[in-house]
Structure formats: C-alpha cells, structure tokens
Protein backbone atom coordinates (compact mmCIF):
# COMPACT_ATOMS: atom_id res chain seq x y z
CA MET A 1 59.15 -49.56 6.20
CA VAL A 2 57.86 -53.00 5.32
CA THR A 3 57.43 -55.72 7.91
CA VAL A 4 55.50 -58.57 6.27
CA GLY A 5 55.10 -60.18 2.87
CA LEU A 6 53.85 -63.01 0.76
CA CYS A 7 55.67 -65.55 -1.34
CA VAL A 8 53.32 -67.34 -3.75
CA ARG A 9 54.42 -70.24 -5.95
CA LEU A 10 52.27 -70.99 -8.99
CA THR A 11 52.55 -74.04 -11.27
CA ALA A 12 51.00 -73.57 -14.69
CA ALA A 13 48.79 -76.29 -16.11
CA PRO A 14 50.34 -77.98 -19.17
CA GLY A 15 49.99 -75.71 -22.17
CA LYS A 16 48.95 -72.71 -20.03
CA GLU A 17 52.42 -71.30 -19.37
CA GLY A 18 51.99 -68.34 -21.72
CA GLU A 19 48.55 -67.54 -20.30
CA VAL A 20 49.93 -67.55 -16.75
CA ALA A 21 52.73 -65.17 -17.78
CA ALA A 22 50.22 -62.86 -19.48
CA PHE A 23 47.90 -63.05 -16.46
CA LEU A 24 50.71 -61.98 -14.11
CA GLU A 25 51.75 -59.14 -16.41
CA SER A 26 48.13 -57.93 -16.56
CA ALA A 27 47.90 -57.93 -12.75
CA LEU A 28 50.39 -55.07 -12.37
CA PRO A 29 47.85 -52.22 -12.72
CA LEU A 30 45.66 -53.90 -10.09
CA VAL A 31 48.55 -54.03 -7.65
CA GLU A 32 49.62 -50.48 -8.45
CA ALA A 33 46.18 -49.36 -7.20
CA GLU A 34 46.79 -50.95 -3.78
CA PRO A 35 48.35 -48.28 -1.55
CA GLU A 36 49.50 -50.79 1.08
CA THR A 37 51.38 -52.99 -1.42
CA THR A 38 54.83 -51.43 -1.15
CA ALA A 39 56.57 -53.72 -3.65
CA TRP A 40 55.29 -56.51 -5.90
CA PHE A 41 57.22 -58.87 -8.14
CA ALA A 42 55.98 -61.53 -10.54
CA ALA A 43 58.68 -63.84 -11.86
CA ARG A 44 59.21 -67.04 -13.80
CA ILE A 45 61.37 -69.71 -12.17
CA ASP A 46 61.26 -72.20 -15.05
CA THR A 47 58.95 -73.05 -17.94
CA SER A 48 55.92 -73.80 -15.79
CA THR A 49 56.76 -72.39 -12.34
CA PHE A 50 56.04 -68.79 -11.40
CA LEU A 51 56.52 -66.74 -8.24
CA ILE A 52 54.79 -63.70 -6.80
CA PHE A 53 56.64 -61.87 -4.03
CA ASP A 54 55.13 -58.81 -2.39
CA VAL A 55 55.70 -56.77 0.75
CA PHE A 56 53.55 -54.60 2.99
CA PRO A 57 54.07 -52.18 5.88
CA ASN A 58 51.85 -54.19 8.21
CA GLU A 59 49.46 -57.11 8.58
CA SER A 60 46.49 -54.98 7.60
CA GLY A 61 48.04 -54.24 4.20
CA ARG A 62 48.78 -57.90 3.63
CA GLU A 63 45.23 -58.90 4.52
CA GLN A 64 43.78 -56.25 2.20
CA HIS A 65 45.89 -57.65 -0.63
CA LEU A 66 44.78 -61.21 0.09
CA VAL A 67 41.15 -60.22 -0.53
CA GLY A 68 41.89 -57.73 -3.29
CA PRO A 69 41.45 -57.87 -7.06
CA VAL A 70 44.55 -59.97 -7.81
CA ALA A 71 43.49 -62.62 -5.31
CA GLU A 72 39.98 -62.57 -6.78
CA ALA A 73 41.35 -62.99 -10.31
CA LEU A 74 43.61 -65.85 -9.19
CA ALA A 75 40.65 -67.60 -7.59
CA ALA A 76 38.45 -67.06 -10.63
CA ARG A 77 40.96 -68.46 -13.10
CA GLY A 78 42.87 -70.86 -10.86
CA ALA A 79 41.29 -74.11 -12.05
CA GLU A 80 41.86 -73.10 -15.66
CA LEU A 81 45.46 -71.88 -15.37
CA PHE A 82 47.16 -73.89 -12.65
CA ALA A 83 48.15 -77.53 -12.28
CA GLU A 84 47.74 -77.27 -8.50
CA ALA A 85 46.57 -74.78 -5.92
CA PRO A 86 48.95 -71.85 -5.37
CA VAL A 87 51.30 -72.26 -2.42
CA ILE A 88 50.96 -69.08 -0.34
CA GLU A 89 53.54 -68.44 2.36
CA ARG A 90 53.24 -65.56 4.80
CA ILE A 91 56.65 -64.15 5.59
CA GLU A 92 58.11 -61.80 8.17
CA LEU A 93 60.74 -59.43 6.82
CA LEU A 94 63.96 -59.21 8.81
CA ALA A 95 65.85 -56.71 6.64
CA THR A 96 64.98 -54.82 3.46
CA LYS A 97 66.41 -52.40 0.93
CA LEU A 98 63.90 -50.46 -1.12
CA PRO A 99 64.44 -47.47 -3.41
CA GLY A 100 63.58 -44.06 -2.13
C-alpha cells in the first residue's frame, strides 16, 4: 500500500528540453534501486514542462527518496537544465490502483 507521494514540476531552460528528457530517462535505474519507491513516473506536459510523480508506502520512503541519487543529480544539474527551481509538492494519497 502507498500512502504518500511527490509531484515535481520541472521547466526546462530554453534549448535544454532534449537534455531534460534524456536526464529523466536516465534516472530510471536509480529509482529502480530504491526499494521504498513503489511507483515512479517521468512525463512531458508540453515542449518545456516535465513532471515527476512518485509514490511511497510511508513518510520514511519519501524522505529517503528526497535525499537519494535522483535528488542529488537534480541538484547538481539544476542550474544548467532548468529555467526555474523545481516545484516539489508533497501529496497524501487517498486512493490508488497499482498492478500486482
């Protein structure tokens, strides 16, 4: 069961849209290594706007993710890739449907 999540909106810097997409695609193996990250999605909303949505069984899993390798990579490359700081929203899940 998952109880909490994150919704992260990213705006690519002009000309960096392809690099942001590639960065998000390359983050998948990092997330797959996080046992508390139950589901993780990286999506494109429009040409320069991207979204990460992920869910966790508890607050501890969410906090581990927020200091994990994807967060570190975002921080390291943020000034280069993004037009503005990522908007990170902590969410509480009310109902879910997951495979399995």
